[in-house]
C-alpha atoms as a PDB file:
ATOM      1  CA  MET A   1      13.119  -6.658   4.210  1.00  0.00           C
ATOM      2  CA  ARG A   2      11.103  -4.128   6.182  1.00  0.00           C
ATOM      3  CA  ILE A   3       8.437  -1.735   4.952  1.00  0.00           C
ATOM      4  CA  PHE A   4       7.259   1.241   6.951  1.00  0.00           C
ATOM      5  CA  LEU A   5       3.796   2.656   6.202  1.00  0.00           C
ATOM      6  CA  HIS A   6       2.653   6.198   6.797  1.00  0.00           C
ATOM      7  CA  LEU A   7      -1.117   6.483   6.987  1.00  0.00           C
ATOM      8  CA  ARG A   8      -3.329   9.420   6.157  1.00  0.00           C
ATOM      9  CA  LYS A   9      -4.621  11.749   8.859  1.00  0.00           C
ATOM     10  CA  GLY A  10      -7.364  10.119  10.899  1.00  0.00           C
ATOM     11  CA  VAL A  11      -6.285   6.535  10.129  1.00  0.00           C
ATOM     12  CA  ASN A  12      -4.953   4.621  13.123  1.00  0.00           C
ATOM     13  CA  GLY A  13      -2.318   1.898  12.625  1.00  0.00           C
ATOM     14  CA  ARG A  14      -4.224  -0.656  14.696  1.00  0.00           C
ATOM     15  CA  GLN A  15      -7.487   0.071  12.853  1.00  0.00           C
ATOM     16  CA  PHE A  16      -5.709  -0.199   9.496  1.00  0.00           C
ATOM     17  CA  VAL A  17      -4.204  -3.620  10.266  1.00  0.00           C
ATOM     18  CA  THR A  18      -7.493  -4.947  11.674  1.00  0.00           C
ATOM     19  CA  SER A  19      -9.480  -3.636   8.717  1.00  0.00           C
ATOM     20  CA  LEU A  20      -7.012  -5.075   6.198  1.00  0.00           C
ATOM     21  CA  GLY A  21      -7.240  -8.492   7.854  1.00  0.00           C
ATOM     22  CA  LYS A  22     -11.044  -8.399   7.715  1.00  0.00           C
ATOM     23  CA  GLN A  23     -11.010  -7.314   4.058  1.00  0.00           C
ATOM     24  CA  ILE A  24      -8.658 -10.137   3.076  1.00  0.00           C
ATOM     25  CA  ARG A  25     -10.684 -12.766   4.959  1.00  0.00           C
ATOM     26  CA  ALA A  26     -13.897 -11.432   3.367  1.00  0.00           C
ATOM     27  CA  GLY A  27     -12.371 -11.861  -0.094  1.00  0.00           C
ATOM     28  CA  GLU A  28     -12.123  -8.180  -1.040  1.00  0.00           C
ATOM     29  CA  HIS A  29      -8.464  -8.642  -2.011  1.00  0.00           C
ATOM     30  CA  ARG A  30      -8.652 -11.995  -3.781  1.00  0.00           C
ATOM     31  CA  THR A  31      -4.948 -12.347  -4.525  1.00  0.00           C
ATOM     32  CA  TRP A  32      -4.070 -12.315  -0.814  1.00  0.00           C
ATOM     33  CA  GLU A  33      -4.785 -14.735   2.009  1.00  0.00           C
ATOM     34  CA  ALA A  34      -4.522 -14.265   5.758  1.00  0.00           C
ATOM     35  CA  VAL A  35      -2.186 -16.839   7.267  1.00  0.00           C
ATOM     36  CA  LYS A  36      -2.247 -15.708  10.910  1.00  0.00           C
ATOM     37  CA  ALA A  37      -4.294 -13.172  12.869  1.00  0.00           C
ATOM     38  CA  ARG A  38      -1.739 -11.893  15.409  1.00  0.00           C
ATOM     39  CA  PRO A  39       0.431 -10.425  14.141  1.00  0.00           C
ATOM     40  CA  LEU A  40      -1.510 -10.152  10.900  1.00  0.00           C
ATOM     41  CA  THR A  41       0.442 -12.289   8.458  1.00  0.00           C
ATOM     42  CA  ILE A  42      -0.617 -12.324   4.838  1.00  0.00           C
ATOM     43  CA  ARG A  43       0.627 -14.200   1.805  1.00  0.00           C
ATOM     44  CA  HIS A  44       0.182 -13.675  -1.910  1.00  0.00           C
ATOM     45  CA  LYS A  45      -1.778 -16.559  -3.423  1.00  0.00           C
ATOM     46  CA  GLY A  46       0.472 -16.755  -6.478  1.00  0.00           C
ATOM     47  CA  ARG A  47       3.494 -18.914  -7.054  1.00  0.00           C
ATOM     48  CA  PHE A  48       5.853 -16.848  -4.902  1.00  0.00           C
ATOM     49  CA  LYS A  49       6.780 -18.094  -1.435  1.00  0.00           C
ATOM     50  CA  ALA A  50       6.946 -15.169   0.961  1.00  0.00           C
ATOM     51  CA  SER A  51       4.837 -13.845   3.804  1.00  0.00           C
ATOM     52  CA  ILE A  52       4.267 -10.378   5.206  1.00  0.00           C
ATOM     53  CA  ALA A  53       3.728  -9.697   8.908  1.00  0.00           C
ATOM     54  CA  LEU A  54       2.060  -6.335   9.626  1.00  0.00           C
ATOM     55  CA  VAL A  55       2.065  -4.731  13.067  1.00  0.00           C
ATOM     56  CA  PRO A  56       0.936  -1.304  14.267  1.00  0.00           C
ATOM     57  CA  SER A  57       4.034   0.657  15.111  1.00  0.00           C
ATOM     58  CA  GLY A  58       4.735   3.226  17.729  1.00  0.00           C
ATOM     59  CA  GLY A  59       8.210   3.160  16.283  1.00  0.00           C
ATOM     60  CA  ARG A  60      11.066   5.551  16.349  1.00  0.00           C
ATOM     61  CA  ALA A  61      11.716   8.004  13.579  1.00  0.00           C
ATOM     62  CA  SER A  62      14.806   7.568  11.465  1.00  0.00           C
ATOM     63  CA  PRO A  63      16.868  10.648  10.641  1.00  0.00           C
ATOM     64  CA  ASP A  64      15.267  11.010   7.215  1.00  0.00           C
ATOM     65  CA  HIS A  65      11.686   9.726   7.838  1.00  0.00           C
ATOM     66  CA  PRO A  66       8.928  10.388  10.386  1.00  0.00           C
ATOM     67  CA  PRO A  67       7.884   7.503  12.669  1.00  0.00           C
ATOM     68  CA  PRO A  68       5.827   4.882  10.810  1.00  0.00           C
ATOM     69  CA  ASP A  69       2.242   3.985  11.681  1.00  0.00           C
ATOM     70  CA  VAL A  70       2.566   0.356  10.550  1.00  0.00           C
ATOM     71  CA  ALA A  71       5.652  -1.823  10.147  1.00  0.00           C
ATOM     72  CA  ALA A  72       5.711  -4.802   7.800  1.00  0.00           C
ATOM     73  CA  ARG A  73       8.351  -7.501   7.523  1.00  0.00           C
ATOM     74  CA  LEU A  74       8.690  -9.536   4.346  1.00  0.00           C
ATOM     75  CA  SER A  75      10.252 -12.936   4.749  1.00  0.00           C
ATOM     76  CA  GLY A  76      10.779 -15.843   2.429  1.00  0.00           C
ATOM     77  CA  LYS A  77      12.846 -16.632  -0.608  1.00  0.00           C
ATOM     78  CA  ASP A  78      10.656 -14.597  -2.996  1.00  0.00           C
ATOM     79  CA  ALA A  79      10.274 -11.466  -0.852  1.00  0.00           C
ATOM     80  CA  GLY A  80      11.484  -9.210  -3.667  1.00  0.00           C
ATOM     81  CA  PHE A  81       8.822 -10.507  -6.032  1.00  0.00           C
ATOM     82  CA  VAL A  82       6.045 -10.216  -3.446  1.00  0.00           C
ATOM     83  CA  LEU A  83       7.134  -6.630  -2.740  1.00  0.00           C
ATOM     84  CA  ARG A  84       5.898  -5.761  -6.232  1.00  0.00           C
ATOM     85  CA  TYR A  85       2.400  -7.060  -5.420  1.00  0.00           C
ATOM     86  CA  LEU A  86       2.364  -5.400  -1.998  1.00  0.00           C
ATOM     87  CA  THR A  87       3.301  -2.088  -3.617  1.00  0.00           C
ATOM     88  CA  TRP A  88       0.318  -2.414  -5.956  1.00  0.00           C
ATOM     89  CA  LEU A  89      -1.999  -3.265  -3.050  1.00  0.00           C
ATOM     90  CA  LEU A  90      -0.860  -0.204  -1.077  1.00  0.00           C
ATOM     91  CA  ALA A  91      -0.699   2.278  -3.957  1.00  0.00           C
ATOM     92  CA  VAL A  92      -3.857   1.259  -5.835  1.00  0.00           C
ATOM     93  CA  LYS A  93      -6.283  -0.587  -3.569  1.00  0.00           C
ATOM     94  CA  LEU A  94      -5.503   1.078  -0.220  1.00  0.00           C
ATOM     95  CA  LYS A  95      -4.562   4.584  -1.421  1.00  0.00           C
ATOM     96  CA  ARG A  96      -7.409   6.145   0.611  1.00  0.00           C
ATOM     97  CA  HIS A  97      -5.623   5.066   3.793  1.00  0.00           C
ATOM     98  CA  VAL A  98      -1.912   5.050   2.916  1.00  0.00           C
ATOM     99  CA  ALA A  99      -0.066   8.349   2.527  1.00  0.00           C
ATOM    100  CA  GLY A 100       3.260   6.728   1.690  1.00  0.00           C
ATOM    101  CA  PHE A 101       5.740   4.016   2.520  1.00  0.00           C
ATOM    102  CA  TYR A 102       9.413   3.264   2.320  1.00  0.00           C
ATOM    103  CA  VAL A 103      11.376   0.060   2.109  1.00  0.00           C
ATOM    104  CA  ARG A 104      14.421  -0.705   4.184  1.00  0.00           C
ATOM    105  CA  VAL A 105      16.512  -3.541   2.841  1.00  0.00           C
ATOM    106  CA  ASP A 106      18.280  -5.602   5.483  1.00  0.00           C
ATOM    107  CA  GLU A 107      21.953  -6.260   4.974  1.00  0.00           C
ATOM    108  CA  GLU A 108      22.860  -9.916   4.904  1.00  0.00           C
END
């Protein structure tokens, strides 16, 4: 599953990913833990087994969306459950930086 983030004006994708990693390591978002620094890979500390890799994107625009600033890939057997917690993190905790996001579900 892929998530594409659109950041607010003045927020750079690389700065956003770096800042989020620092915040998680400093304990500001206690329900998340940083697993790997490059690419930033985070995991919810709960019972669900899934990880999220975030990378700054200079990506291409799709026909119905502008190009994303950050791309995230959810992987693991509980990716759908972790998506709920990631949505809360983006919409509540990081709303100063995130203008919007959309989820693209991979076909299996």
